[in-house]
N, C-alpha and C. Protein backbone atom coordinates (compact mmCIF):
# COMPACT_ATOMS: atom_id res chain seq x y z
N UNK A 1 -18.41 -7.35 10.31
CA UNK A 1 -17.49 -7.52 9.20
C UNK A 1 -16.33 -6.53 9.34
N UNK A 2 -15.13 -7.03 9.17
CA UNK A 2 -13.92 -6.20 9.22
C UNK A 2 -13.24 -6.35 7.87
N UNK A 3 -13.20 -5.26 7.10
CA UNK A 3 -12.67 -5.28 5.74
C UNK A 3 -11.39 -4.46 5.68
N UNK A 4 -10.28 -5.12 5.33
CA UNK A 4 -8.98 -4.45 5.25
C UNK A 4 -8.62 -4.19 3.80
N UNK A 5 -8.21 -2.96 3.52
CA UNK A 5 -7.86 -2.54 2.15
C UNK A 5 -6.39 -2.14 2.12
N UNK A 6 -5.61 -2.90 1.38
CA UNK A 6 -4.17 -2.67 1.31
C UNK A 6 -3.85 -1.44 0.46
N UNK A 7 -2.59 -1.08 0.46
CA UNK A 7 -2.14 0.12 -0.23
C UNK A 7 -1.75 -0.12 -1.68
N UNK A 8 -1.27 0.94 -2.30
CA UNK A 8 -0.88 0.94 -3.71
C UNK A 8 0.21 -0.10 -3.95
N UNK A 9 -0.01 -0.98 -4.92
CA UNK A 9 0.92 -2.04 -5.31
C UNK A 9 1.11 -3.10 -4.22
N UNK A 10 0.33 -3.03 -3.17
CA UNK A 10 0.48 -3.98 -2.08
C UNK A 10 -0.47 -5.16 -2.27
N UNK A 11 -0.71 -5.91 -1.19
CA UNK A 11 -1.52 -7.12 -1.31
C UNK A 11 -1.95 -7.60 0.07
N UNK A 12 -2.79 -8.63 0.13
CA UNK A 12 -3.14 -9.23 1.42
C UNK A 12 -1.94 -9.85 2.14
N UNK A 13 -0.80 -9.95 1.46
CA UNK A 13 0.42 -10.48 2.09
C UNK A 13 1.23 -9.41 2.81
N UNK A 14 0.73 -8.18 2.85
CA UNK A 14 1.48 -7.12 3.54
C UNK A 14 1.61 -7.46 5.02
N UNK A 15 2.66 -6.95 5.64
CA UNK A 15 2.94 -7.29 7.04
C UNK A 15 1.77 -6.91 7.95
N UNK A 16 1.19 -5.71 7.75
CA UNK A 16 0.10 -5.27 8.62
C UNK A 16 -1.13 -6.15 8.44
N UNK A 17 -1.46 -6.48 7.19
CA UNK A 17 -2.63 -7.32 6.94
C UNK A 17 -2.45 -8.70 7.57
N UNK A 18 -1.27 -9.27 7.43
CA UNK A 18 -1.01 -10.60 8.00
C UNK A 18 -1.10 -10.55 9.53
N UNK A 19 -0.50 -9.54 10.14
CA UNK A 19 -0.55 -9.41 11.60
C UNK A 19 -1.98 -9.24 12.11
N UNK A 20 -2.73 -8.37 11.45
CA UNK A 20 -4.10 -8.11 11.89
C UNK A 20 -4.97 -9.35 11.71
N UNK A 21 -4.85 -10.01 10.57
CA UNK A 21 -5.64 -11.22 10.33
C UNK A 21 -5.36 -12.28 11.38
N UNK A 22 -4.07 -12.48 11.70
CA UNK A 22 -3.71 -13.48 12.71
C UNK A 22 -4.28 -13.09 14.08
N UNK A 23 -4.13 -11.81 14.45
CA UNK A 23 -4.61 -11.36 15.76
C UNK A 23 -6.12 -11.50 15.89
N UNK A 24 -6.84 -11.19 14.82
CA UNK A 24 -8.30 -11.30 14.88
C UNK A 24 -8.74 -12.76 14.94
N UNK A 25 -8.05 -13.63 14.21
CA UNK A 25 -8.38 -15.05 14.31
C UNK A 25 -8.13 -15.57 15.72
N UNK A 26 -7.02 -15.17 16.33
CA UNK A 26 -6.71 -15.59 17.70
C UNK A 26 -7.76 -15.12 18.69
N UNK A 27 -8.42 -14.01 18.39
CA UNK A 27 -9.44 -13.46 19.28
C UNK A 27 -10.85 -13.92 18.90
N UNK A 28 -10.94 -14.86 17.98
CA UNK A 28 -12.24 -15.43 17.62
C UNK A 28 -13.03 -14.63 16.60
N UNK A 29 -12.36 -13.73 15.87
CA UNK A 29 -13.04 -12.90 14.88
C UNK A 29 -12.60 -13.21 13.45
N UNK A 30 -12.04 -14.39 13.25
CA UNK A 30 -11.56 -14.74 11.92
C UNK A 30 -12.65 -14.75 10.86
N UNK A 31 -13.85 -15.12 11.26
CA UNK A 31 -14.96 -15.16 10.30
C UNK A 31 -15.41 -13.79 9.83
N UNK A 32 -15.06 -12.74 10.58
CA UNK A 32 -15.43 -11.38 10.20
C UNK A 32 -14.40 -10.73 9.28
N UNK A 33 -13.19 -11.31 9.21
CA UNK A 33 -12.03 -10.70 8.54
C UNK A 33 -12.07 -10.95 7.04
N UNK A 34 -11.94 -9.89 6.27
CA UNK A 34 -11.86 -10.00 4.81
C UNK A 34 -10.75 -9.06 4.34
N UNK A 35 -9.90 -9.58 3.47
CA UNK A 35 -8.76 -8.80 2.97
C UNK A 35 -8.52 -9.18 1.51
N UNK A 36 -9.25 -8.57 0.58
CA UNK A 36 -9.14 -8.94 -0.83
C UNK A 36 -7.93 -8.33 -1.52
N UNK A 37 -7.51 -8.95 -2.60
CA UNK A 37 -6.53 -8.33 -3.50
C UNK A 37 -7.27 -7.28 -4.33
N UNK A 38 -6.84 -6.04 -4.25
CA UNK A 38 -7.53 -4.96 -4.95
C UNK A 38 -6.95 -4.76 -6.34
N UNK A 39 -7.79 -4.52 -7.33
CA UNK A 39 -7.29 -4.22 -8.68
C UNK A 39 -6.67 -2.84 -8.75
N UNK A 40 -5.91 -2.60 -9.81
CA UNK A 40 -5.26 -1.29 -9.98
C UNK A 40 -6.29 -0.18 -10.16
N UNK A 41 -7.40 -0.47 -10.82
CA UNK A 41 -8.43 0.54 -11.05
C UNK A 41 -9.13 0.90 -9.74
N UNK A 42 -9.09 2.16 -9.31
CA UNK A 42 -9.80 2.55 -8.10
C UNK A 42 -11.31 2.29 -8.18
N UNK A 43 -11.92 2.54 -9.33
CA UNK A 43 -13.35 2.30 -9.47
C UNK A 43 -13.66 0.81 -9.28
N UNK A 44 -12.83 -0.04 -9.87
CA UNK A 44 -13.04 -1.49 -9.71
C UNK A 44 -12.78 -1.93 -8.27
N UNK A 45 -11.80 -1.30 -7.61
CA UNK A 45 -11.50 -1.63 -6.22
C UNK A 45 -12.70 -1.31 -5.32
N UNK A 46 -13.28 -0.14 -5.51
CA UNK A 46 -14.45 0.25 -4.71
C UNK A 46 -15.64 -0.65 -5.03
N UNK A 47 -15.83 -0.99 -6.29
CA UNK A 47 -16.94 -1.89 -6.67
C UNK A 47 -16.76 -3.25 -6.02
N UNK A 48 -15.54 -3.76 -5.97
CA UNK A 48 -15.26 -5.04 -5.32
C UNK A 48 -15.59 -4.96 -3.83
N UNK A 49 -15.18 -3.87 -3.19
CA UNK A 49 -15.47 -3.70 -1.76
C UNK A 49 -16.97 -3.61 -1.50
N UNK A 50 -17.67 -2.85 -2.33
CA UNK A 50 -19.12 -2.75 -2.18
C UNK A 50 -19.78 -4.11 -2.30
N UNK A 51 -19.32 -4.91 -3.27
CA UNK A 51 -19.89 -6.24 -3.46
C UNK A 51 -19.61 -7.13 -2.26
N UNK A 52 -18.40 -7.07 -1.72
CA UNK A 52 -18.06 -7.88 -0.54
C UNK A 52 -18.91 -7.47 0.67
N UNK A 53 -19.07 -6.17 0.85
CA UNK A 53 -19.89 -5.70 1.98
C UNK A 53 -21.33 -6.17 1.81
N UNK A 54 -21.87 -6.02 0.61
CA UNK A 54 -23.26 -6.45 0.37
C UNK A 54 -23.41 -7.96 0.59
N UNK A 55 -22.37 -8.72 0.28
CA UNK A 55 -22.43 -10.18 0.41
C UNK A 55 -22.27 -10.63 1.86
N UNK A 56 -21.36 -10.01 2.60
CA UNK A 56 -20.98 -10.54 3.91
C UNK A 56 -21.50 -9.77 5.11
N UNK A 57 -21.88 -8.51 4.92
CA UNK A 57 -22.36 -7.74 6.07
C UNK A 57 -23.86 -7.89 6.17
N UNK A 58 -24.31 -8.22 7.35
CA UNK A 58 -25.73 -8.55 7.54
C UNK A 58 -26.53 -7.40 8.13
N UNK A 59 -26.08 -6.19 7.91
CA UNK A 59 -26.80 -5.04 8.44
C UNK A 59 -26.55 -4.80 9.91
N UNK A 60 -25.54 -5.46 10.47
CA UNK A 60 -25.18 -5.21 11.86
C UNK A 60 -25.68 -6.24 12.85
N UNK A 61 -26.42 -7.25 12.39
CA UNK A 61 -26.96 -8.24 13.32
C UNK A 61 -25.85 -9.00 14.04
N UNK A 62 -24.74 -9.21 13.37
CA UNK A 62 -23.62 -9.92 13.98
C UNK A 62 -22.41 -9.00 14.19
N UNK A 63 -22.69 -7.74 14.44
CA UNK A 63 -21.60 -6.79 14.68
C UNK A 63 -21.54 -5.75 13.58
N UNK A 64 -20.87 -4.63 13.87
CA UNK A 64 -20.82 -3.52 12.93
C UNK A 64 -19.85 -3.78 11.79
N UNK A 65 -19.98 -2.97 10.76
CA UNK A 65 -19.02 -2.94 9.67
C UNK A 65 -17.88 -2.01 10.07
N UNK A 66 -16.65 -2.51 10.02
CA UNK A 66 -15.47 -1.69 10.27
C UNK A 66 -14.52 -1.83 9.09
N UNK A 67 -14.11 -0.71 8.54
CA UNK A 67 -13.16 -0.71 7.44
C UNK A 67 -11.78 -0.37 7.97
N UNK A 68 -10.76 -0.95 7.35
CA UNK A 68 -9.38 -0.65 7.69
C UNK A 68 -8.63 -0.43 6.40
N UNK A 69 -7.74 0.54 6.37
CA UNK A 69 -7.01 0.77 5.14
C UNK A 69 -5.67 1.42 5.38
N UNK A 70 -4.69 1.01 4.59
CA UNK A 70 -3.34 1.56 4.67
C UNK A 70 -3.01 2.33 3.41
N UNK A 71 -2.49 3.55 3.56
CA UNK A 71 -2.06 4.37 2.43
C UNK A 71 -3.24 4.60 1.47
N UNK A 72 -3.14 4.15 0.22
CA UNK A 72 -4.26 4.31 -0.70
C UNK A 72 -5.49 3.57 -0.18
N UNK A 73 -5.27 2.43 0.49
CA UNK A 73 -6.39 1.72 1.11
C UNK A 73 -7.09 2.56 2.16
N UNK A 74 -6.35 3.46 2.81
CA UNK A 74 -6.97 4.38 3.77
C UNK A 74 -7.89 5.38 3.08
N UNK A 75 -7.50 5.80 1.89
CA UNK A 75 -8.36 6.68 1.09
C UNK A 75 -9.64 5.94 0.70
N UNK A 76 -9.48 4.70 0.22
CA UNK A 76 -10.65 3.90 -0.13
C UNK A 76 -11.55 3.68 1.09
N UNK A 77 -10.93 3.36 2.23
CA UNK A 77 -11.71 3.12 3.44
C UNK A 77 -12.51 4.36 3.83
N UNK A 78 -11.90 5.53 3.67
CA UNK A 78 -12.61 6.77 4.00
C UNK A 78 -13.77 7.01 3.05
N UNK A 79 -13.55 6.81 1.76
CA UNK A 79 -14.64 6.97 0.79
C UNK A 79 -15.80 6.05 1.13
N UNK A 80 -15.49 4.80 1.45
CA UNK A 80 -16.54 3.82 1.77
C UNK A 80 -17.19 4.12 3.12
N UNK A 81 -16.40 4.54 4.11
CA UNK A 81 -16.96 4.83 5.43
C UNK A 81 -17.93 6.01 5.39
N UNK A 82 -17.61 7.02 4.57
CA UNK A 82 -18.53 8.15 4.44
C UNK A 82 -19.81 7.72 3.74
N UNK A 83 -19.71 6.83 2.78
CA UNK A 83 -20.88 6.33 2.07
C UNK A 83 -21.73 5.42 2.96
N UNK A 84 -21.06 4.56 3.71
CA UNK A 84 -21.75 3.54 4.51
C UNK A 84 -22.03 3.99 5.94
N UNK A 85 -21.50 5.15 6.32
CA UNK A 85 -21.68 5.67 7.69
C UNK A 85 -21.20 4.67 8.73
N UNK A 86 -20.01 4.11 8.50
CA UNK A 86 -19.44 3.13 9.42
C UNK A 86 -18.09 3.61 9.93
N UNK A 87 -17.46 2.82 10.75
CA UNK A 87 -16.17 3.18 11.34
C UNK A 87 -15.03 2.77 10.41
N UNK A 88 -13.89 3.44 10.57
CA UNK A 88 -12.73 3.11 9.76
C UNK A 88 -11.44 3.36 10.52
N UNK A 89 -10.49 2.47 10.32
CA UNK A 89 -9.12 2.64 10.79
C UNK A 89 -8.28 3.02 9.58
N UNK A 90 -7.56 4.12 9.65
CA UNK A 90 -6.75 4.56 8.52
C UNK A 90 -5.30 4.66 8.98
N UNK A 91 -4.41 3.99 8.25
CA UNK A 91 -3.00 3.87 8.61
C UNK A 91 -2.16 4.61 7.58
N UNK A 92 -1.56 5.72 7.97
CA UNK A 92 -0.84 6.58 7.03
C UNK A 92 -1.64 6.74 5.74
N UNK A 93 -2.87 7.24 5.84
CA UNK A 93 -3.74 7.29 4.66
C UNK A 93 -3.37 8.37 3.66
N UNK A 94 -3.58 8.08 2.39
CA UNK A 94 -3.53 9.11 1.36
C UNK A 94 -4.73 10.04 1.58
N UNK A 95 -4.50 11.33 1.57
CA UNK A 95 -5.57 12.31 1.74
C UNK A 95 -6.00 12.86 0.39
N UNK A 96 -5.03 13.27 -0.43
CA UNK A 96 -5.33 13.84 -1.75
C UNK A 96 -4.84 12.84 -2.82
N UNK A 97 -5.66 11.83 -3.06
CA UNK A 97 -5.21 10.68 -3.85
C UNK A 97 -4.90 11.03 -5.30
N UNK A 98 -5.77 11.81 -5.95
CA UNK A 98 -5.53 12.13 -7.36
C UNK A 98 -4.22 12.90 -7.51
N UNK A 99 -3.97 13.82 -6.61
CA UNK A 99 -2.71 14.60 -6.66
C UNK A 99 -1.50 13.69 -6.42
N UNK A 100 -1.56 12.88 -5.37
CA UNK A 100 -0.39 12.11 -4.96
C UNK A 100 -0.11 10.91 -5.86
N UNK A 101 -1.15 10.32 -6.44
CA UNK A 101 -0.95 9.14 -7.29
C UNK A 101 -0.71 9.49 -8.75
N UNK A 102 -0.89 10.76 -9.13
CA UNK A 102 -0.65 11.16 -10.52
C UNK A 102 0.79 10.89 -10.93
N UNK A 103 1.70 10.92 -9.96
CA UNK A 103 3.11 10.68 -10.27
C UNK A 103 3.41 9.20 -10.47
N UNK A 104 2.43 8.33 -10.21
CA UNK A 104 2.67 6.89 -10.28
C UNK A 104 2.13 6.24 -11.56
N UNK A 105 1.64 7.05 -12.47
CA UNK A 105 1.13 6.50 -13.73
C UNK A 105 2.27 5.76 -14.44
N UNK A 106 1.97 4.54 -14.87
CA UNK A 106 2.97 3.75 -15.56
C UNK A 106 2.90 2.30 -15.14
N UNK A 107 3.88 1.52 -15.56
CA UNK A 107 3.92 0.09 -15.24
C UNK A 107 4.88 -0.16 -14.09
N UNK A 108 4.42 -0.89 -13.11
CA UNK A 108 5.20 -1.24 -11.94
C UNK A 108 5.10 -2.76 -11.74
N UNK A 109 5.74 -3.25 -10.69
CA UNK A 109 5.47 -4.61 -10.22
C UNK A 109 4.86 -4.50 -8.83
N UNK A 110 4.16 -5.54 -8.43
CA UNK A 110 3.59 -5.56 -7.09
C UNK A 110 4.71 -5.80 -6.07
N UNK A 111 4.46 -5.36 -4.85
CA UNK A 111 5.49 -5.48 -3.81
C UNK A 111 5.75 -6.92 -3.39
N UNK A 112 4.71 -7.75 -3.42
CA UNK A 112 4.84 -9.10 -2.88
C UNK A 112 4.89 -10.17 -3.96
N UNK A 113 5.06 -9.76 -5.20
CA UNK A 113 5.22 -10.72 -6.30
C UNK A 113 5.85 -9.98 -7.48
N UNK A 114 6.13 -10.71 -8.54
CA UNK A 114 6.67 -10.10 -9.76
C UNK A 114 5.56 -9.75 -10.74
N UNK A 115 4.30 -9.88 -10.32
CA UNK A 115 3.19 -9.60 -11.21
C UNK A 115 3.18 -8.13 -11.60
N UNK A 116 2.86 -7.83 -12.87
CA UNK A 116 2.82 -6.42 -13.29
C UNK A 116 1.66 -5.68 -12.65
N UNK A 117 1.86 -4.41 -12.45
CA UNK A 117 0.84 -3.53 -11.88
C UNK A 117 0.85 -2.27 -12.74
N UNK A 118 -0.20 -2.09 -13.53
CA UNK A 118 -0.25 -0.98 -14.47
C UNK A 118 -1.25 0.05 -13.97
N UNK A 119 -0.76 1.26 -13.74
CA UNK A 119 -1.60 2.35 -13.24
C UNK A 119 -1.75 3.38 -14.36
N UNK A 120 -2.98 3.55 -14.82
CA UNK A 120 -3.26 4.34 -16.01
C UNK A 120 -3.70 5.77 -15.67
N UNK A 121 -3.60 6.69 -16.61
CA UNK A 121 -4.08 8.06 -16.36
C UNK A 121 -5.56 8.09 -15.95
N UNK A 122 -6.36 7.21 -16.55
CA UNK A 122 -7.79 7.20 -16.18
C UNK A 122 -8.01 6.77 -14.73
N UNK A 123 -7.05 6.07 -14.16
CA UNK A 123 -7.18 5.70 -12.75
C UNK A 123 -7.05 6.92 -11.85
N UNK A 124 -6.25 7.88 -12.26
CA UNK A 124 -6.16 9.15 -11.51
C UNK A 124 -7.50 9.87 -11.56
N UNK A 125 -8.15 9.85 -12.73
CA UNK A 125 -9.46 10.47 -12.85
C UNK A 125 -10.48 9.78 -11.95
N UNK A 126 -10.40 8.46 -11.85
CA UNK A 126 -11.31 7.72 -10.97
C UNK A 126 -11.12 8.14 -9.51
N UNK A 127 -9.86 8.32 -9.10
CA UNK A 127 -9.60 8.77 -7.73
C UNK A 127 -10.21 10.14 -7.48
N UNK A 128 -10.08 11.02 -8.46
CA UNK A 128 -10.64 12.37 -8.30
C UNK A 128 -12.16 12.33 -8.17
N UNK A 129 -12.80 11.47 -8.96
CA UNK A 129 -14.27 11.40 -8.94
C UNK A 129 -14.81 10.84 -7.63
N UNK A 130 -14.07 9.96 -6.99
CA UNK A 130 -14.60 9.34 -5.76
C UNK A 130 -14.25 10.13 -4.50
N UNK A 131 -13.55 11.25 -4.64
CA UNK A 131 -13.11 12.01 -3.47
C UNK A 131 -14.28 12.44 -2.60
N UNK A 132 -14.06 12.36 -1.31
CA UNK A 132 -15.03 12.85 -0.32
C UNK A 132 -14.34 13.93 0.50
N UNK A 133 -15.12 14.71 1.19
CA UNK A 133 -14.54 15.75 2.04
C UNK A 133 -14.01 15.17 3.34
N UNK A 134 -13.68 16.06 4.25
CA UNK A 134 -13.23 15.60 5.57
C UNK A 134 -14.33 14.77 6.22
N UNK A 135 -13.97 13.85 7.11
CA UNK A 135 -14.98 13.01 7.74
C UNK A 135 -16.09 13.82 8.39
N UNK A 136 -17.33 13.42 8.12
CA UNK A 136 -18.47 14.11 8.71
C UNK A 136 -18.51 13.89 10.22
N UNK A 137 -18.07 12.73 10.67
CA UNK A 137 -18.02 12.40 12.10
C UNK A 137 -16.66 11.79 12.41
N UNK A 138 -15.67 12.62 12.76
CA UNK A 138 -14.32 12.11 12.98
C UNK A 138 -14.23 11.02 14.04
N UNK A 139 -15.19 10.97 14.98
CA UNK A 139 -15.15 9.97 16.04
C UNK A 139 -15.36 8.56 15.51
N UNK A 140 -15.79 8.44 14.26
CA UNK A 140 -15.92 7.11 13.65
C UNK A 140 -14.59 6.61 13.09
N UNK A 141 -13.53 7.41 13.25
CA UNK A 141 -12.23 7.07 12.65
C UNK A 141 -11.15 6.89 13.71
N UNK A 142 -10.20 6.01 13.37
CA UNK A 142 -8.98 5.85 14.14
C UNK A 142 -7.82 6.08 13.19
N UNK A 143 -7.04 7.11 13.45
CA UNK A 143 -5.91 7.48 12.59
C UNK A 143 -4.60 7.08 13.25
N UNK A 144 -3.77 6.39 12.49
CA UNK A 144 -2.40 6.14 12.88
C UNK A 144 -1.53 6.79 11.81
N UNK A 145 -0.81 7.85 12.20
CA UNK A 145 0.00 8.60 11.24
C UNK A 145 1.41 8.72 11.79
N UNK A 146 2.40 8.45 10.94
CA UNK A 146 3.81 8.46 11.37
C UNK A 146 4.50 9.72 10.88
N UNK A 147 5.18 10.40 11.79
CA UNK A 147 5.91 11.61 11.40
C UNK A 147 7.10 11.27 10.49
N UNK A 148 7.53 10.00 10.53
CA UNK A 148 8.64 9.58 9.70
C UNK A 148 8.22 9.04 8.34
N UNK A 149 6.94 9.20 7.99
CA UNK A 149 6.45 8.73 6.69
C UNK A 149 7.25 9.41 5.58
N UNK A 150 7.92 8.61 4.77
CA UNK A 150 8.78 9.16 3.71
C UNK A 150 8.04 9.36 2.40
N UNK A 151 6.75 9.00 2.37
CA UNK A 151 5.95 9.09 1.14
C UNK A 151 4.90 10.18 1.24
N UNK A 152 4.22 10.25 2.37
CA UNK A 152 3.10 11.17 2.56
C UNK A 152 3.36 12.09 3.75
N UNK A 153 2.67 13.23 3.78
CA UNK A 153 2.85 14.23 4.83
C UNK A 153 1.89 13.95 5.98
N UNK A 154 2.42 13.56 7.12
CA UNK A 154 1.58 13.24 8.27
C UNK A 154 0.74 14.43 8.73
N UNK A 155 1.22 15.65 8.49
CA UNK A 155 0.47 16.84 8.91
C UNK A 155 -0.85 16.96 8.15
N UNK A 156 -0.83 16.59 6.87
CA UNK A 156 -2.09 16.58 6.11
C UNK A 156 -3.07 15.57 6.70
N UNK A 157 -2.55 14.41 7.07
CA UNK A 157 -3.41 13.39 7.69
C UNK A 157 -4.01 13.90 8.99
N UNK A 158 -3.16 14.46 9.84
CA UNK A 158 -3.62 14.94 11.14
C UNK A 158 -4.69 16.02 10.99
N UNK A 159 -4.50 16.92 10.02
CA UNK A 159 -5.48 17.98 9.79
C UNK A 159 -6.78 17.40 9.24
N UNK A 160 -6.68 16.49 8.28
CA UNK A 160 -7.87 15.94 7.62
C UNK A 160 -8.74 15.16 8.60
N UNK A 161 -8.08 14.41 9.50
CA UNK A 161 -8.80 13.55 10.45
C UNK A 161 -8.83 14.15 11.85
N UNK A 162 -8.72 15.46 11.95
CA UNK A 162 -8.75 16.13 13.26
C UNK A 162 -10.01 15.74 14.02
N UNK A 163 -9.84 15.38 15.28
CA UNK A 163 -10.97 14.97 16.11
C UNK A 163 -11.20 13.47 16.13
N UNK A 164 -10.41 12.73 15.38
CA UNK A 164 -10.56 11.27 15.36
C UNK A 164 -9.83 10.65 16.54
N UNK A 165 -10.08 9.36 16.76
CA UNK A 165 -9.29 8.58 17.70
C UNK A 165 -7.92 8.32 17.07
N UNK A 166 -7.02 7.74 17.85
CA UNK A 166 -5.74 7.32 17.29
C UNK A 166 -4.57 8.10 17.84
N UNK A 167 -3.48 8.07 17.09
CA UNK A 167 -2.27 8.74 17.57
C UNK A 167 -1.36 9.10 16.41
N UNK A 168 -0.52 10.08 16.67
CA UNK A 168 0.57 10.44 15.79
C UNK A 168 1.81 9.73 16.33
N UNK A 169 2.43 8.89 15.52
CA UNK A 169 3.63 8.16 15.91
C UNK A 169 4.85 9.03 15.61
N UNK A 170 5.69 9.22 16.58
CA UNK A 170 6.93 9.95 16.35
C UNK A 170 7.93 9.02 15.66
N UNK A 171 8.33 9.38 14.46
CA UNK A 171 9.25 8.54 13.70
C UNK A 171 8.50 7.51 12.88
N UNK A 172 8.98 6.27 12.90
CA UNK A 172 8.45 5.16 12.10
C UNK A 172 8.62 5.48 10.62
N UNK A 173 7.74 4.95 9.77
CA UNK A 173 7.89 5.10 8.32
C UNK A 173 6.54 4.87 7.65
N UNK A 174 6.52 4.95 6.31
CA UNK A 174 5.25 4.85 5.61
C UNK A 174 4.56 3.50 5.84
N UNK A 175 5.34 2.44 5.85
CA UNK A 175 4.77 1.11 6.07
C UNK A 175 4.46 0.81 7.52
N UNK A 176 4.80 1.73 8.43
CA UNK A 176 4.65 1.54 9.89
C UNK A 176 5.29 0.20 10.26
N UNK A 177 6.60 0.12 10.07
CA UNK A 177 7.32 -1.13 10.31
C UNK A 177 7.27 -1.57 11.77
N UNK A 178 6.94 -0.64 12.68
CA UNK A 178 6.76 -0.99 14.09
C UNK A 178 5.29 -1.17 14.45
N UNK A 179 4.48 -1.57 13.47
CA UNK A 179 3.03 -1.65 13.66
C UNK A 179 2.65 -2.55 14.82
N UNK A 180 3.41 -3.61 15.04
CA UNK A 180 3.07 -4.55 16.13
C UNK A 180 2.94 -3.82 17.46
N UNK A 181 3.73 -2.78 17.64
CA UNK A 181 3.68 -1.99 18.88
C UNK A 181 2.35 -1.26 19.04
N UNK A 182 1.77 -0.82 17.92
CA UNK A 182 0.55 -0.02 17.96
C UNK A 182 -0.71 -0.84 17.72
N UNK A 183 -0.56 -2.08 17.30
CA UNK A 183 -1.71 -2.91 16.95
C UNK A 183 -2.72 -3.08 18.09
N UNK A 184 -2.29 -3.22 19.36
CA UNK A 184 -3.30 -3.34 20.42
C UNK A 184 -4.28 -2.17 20.48
N UNK A 185 -3.80 -0.94 20.23
CA UNK A 185 -4.70 0.22 20.22
C UNK A 185 -5.69 0.12 19.06
N UNK A 186 -5.19 -0.30 17.91
CA UNK A 186 -6.06 -0.47 16.74
C UNK A 186 -7.13 -1.51 17.04
N UNK A 187 -6.73 -2.63 17.62
CA UNK A 187 -7.69 -3.71 17.90
C UNK A 187 -8.72 -3.28 18.94
N UNK A 188 -8.30 -2.46 19.90
CA UNK A 188 -9.29 -1.96 20.87
C UNK A 188 -10.38 -1.16 20.17
N UNK A 189 -9.97 -0.30 19.25
CA UNK A 189 -10.96 0.48 18.51
C UNK A 189 -11.88 -0.43 17.71
N UNK A 190 -11.32 -1.46 17.10
CA UNK A 190 -12.11 -2.35 16.25
C UNK A 190 -13.06 -3.21 17.08
N UNK A 191 -12.63 -3.68 18.25
CA UNK A 191 -13.35 -4.73 18.95
C UNK A 191 -14.10 -4.30 20.21
N UNK A 192 -13.69 -3.21 20.85
CA UNK A 192 -14.30 -2.90 22.14
C UNK A 192 -15.60 -2.13 21.98
N UNK A 193 -16.59 -2.48 22.81
CA UNK A 193 -17.95 -1.93 22.64
C UNK A 193 -18.06 -0.42 22.71
N UNK A 194 -17.20 0.25 23.51
CA UNK A 194 -17.39 1.69 23.67
C UNK A 194 -17.14 2.45 22.37
N UNK A 195 -16.45 1.83 21.41
CA UNK A 195 -16.21 2.49 20.14
C UNK A 195 -17.29 2.17 19.11
N UNK A 196 -18.18 1.25 19.44
CA UNK A 196 -19.14 0.79 18.44
C UNK A 196 -20.33 1.73 18.40
N UNK A 197 -20.71 2.10 17.18
CA UNK A 197 -21.81 3.07 17.05
C UNK A 197 -23.15 2.36 17.13
């Protein structure tokens, strides 16, 4: 099972999610791919992910569980990977979610639609409660961090995920608009046997 978790105010229609889903289908892994729309509530988002994993992951008989997450989705993926002891790909992940998302309390719209997105003060508390420490086994992670990220500090990401697979991209941006260039490395981590625990 490959579970992708999008970022704050984003959706399964994000460029990275669409590219990854297409690439995995082309490689015969479409049945393993799951990319849900996450609710604004972090607690509800994690509960949804737990339910999907319990429903679709068969304990590894048909392959390992791999989580993927971008920005806030990277934070969620890390929380779940530490709980489930599985691998995770994190793309410009939020490291200190309660601190960084506290400034986003209020009403927004989603990036890929005009639907409202309301982020409440209690959602910041939920992020704080679900926090985990640095990865217990960094080798289970693949970090893609861009020095040109205009939202988050790539140095915090590099320090938090020290010892992981992946790379620091010189330049780029928070959305990793050049993701297609780096996607083959991500897919190798997800699909090739030497990375599988």
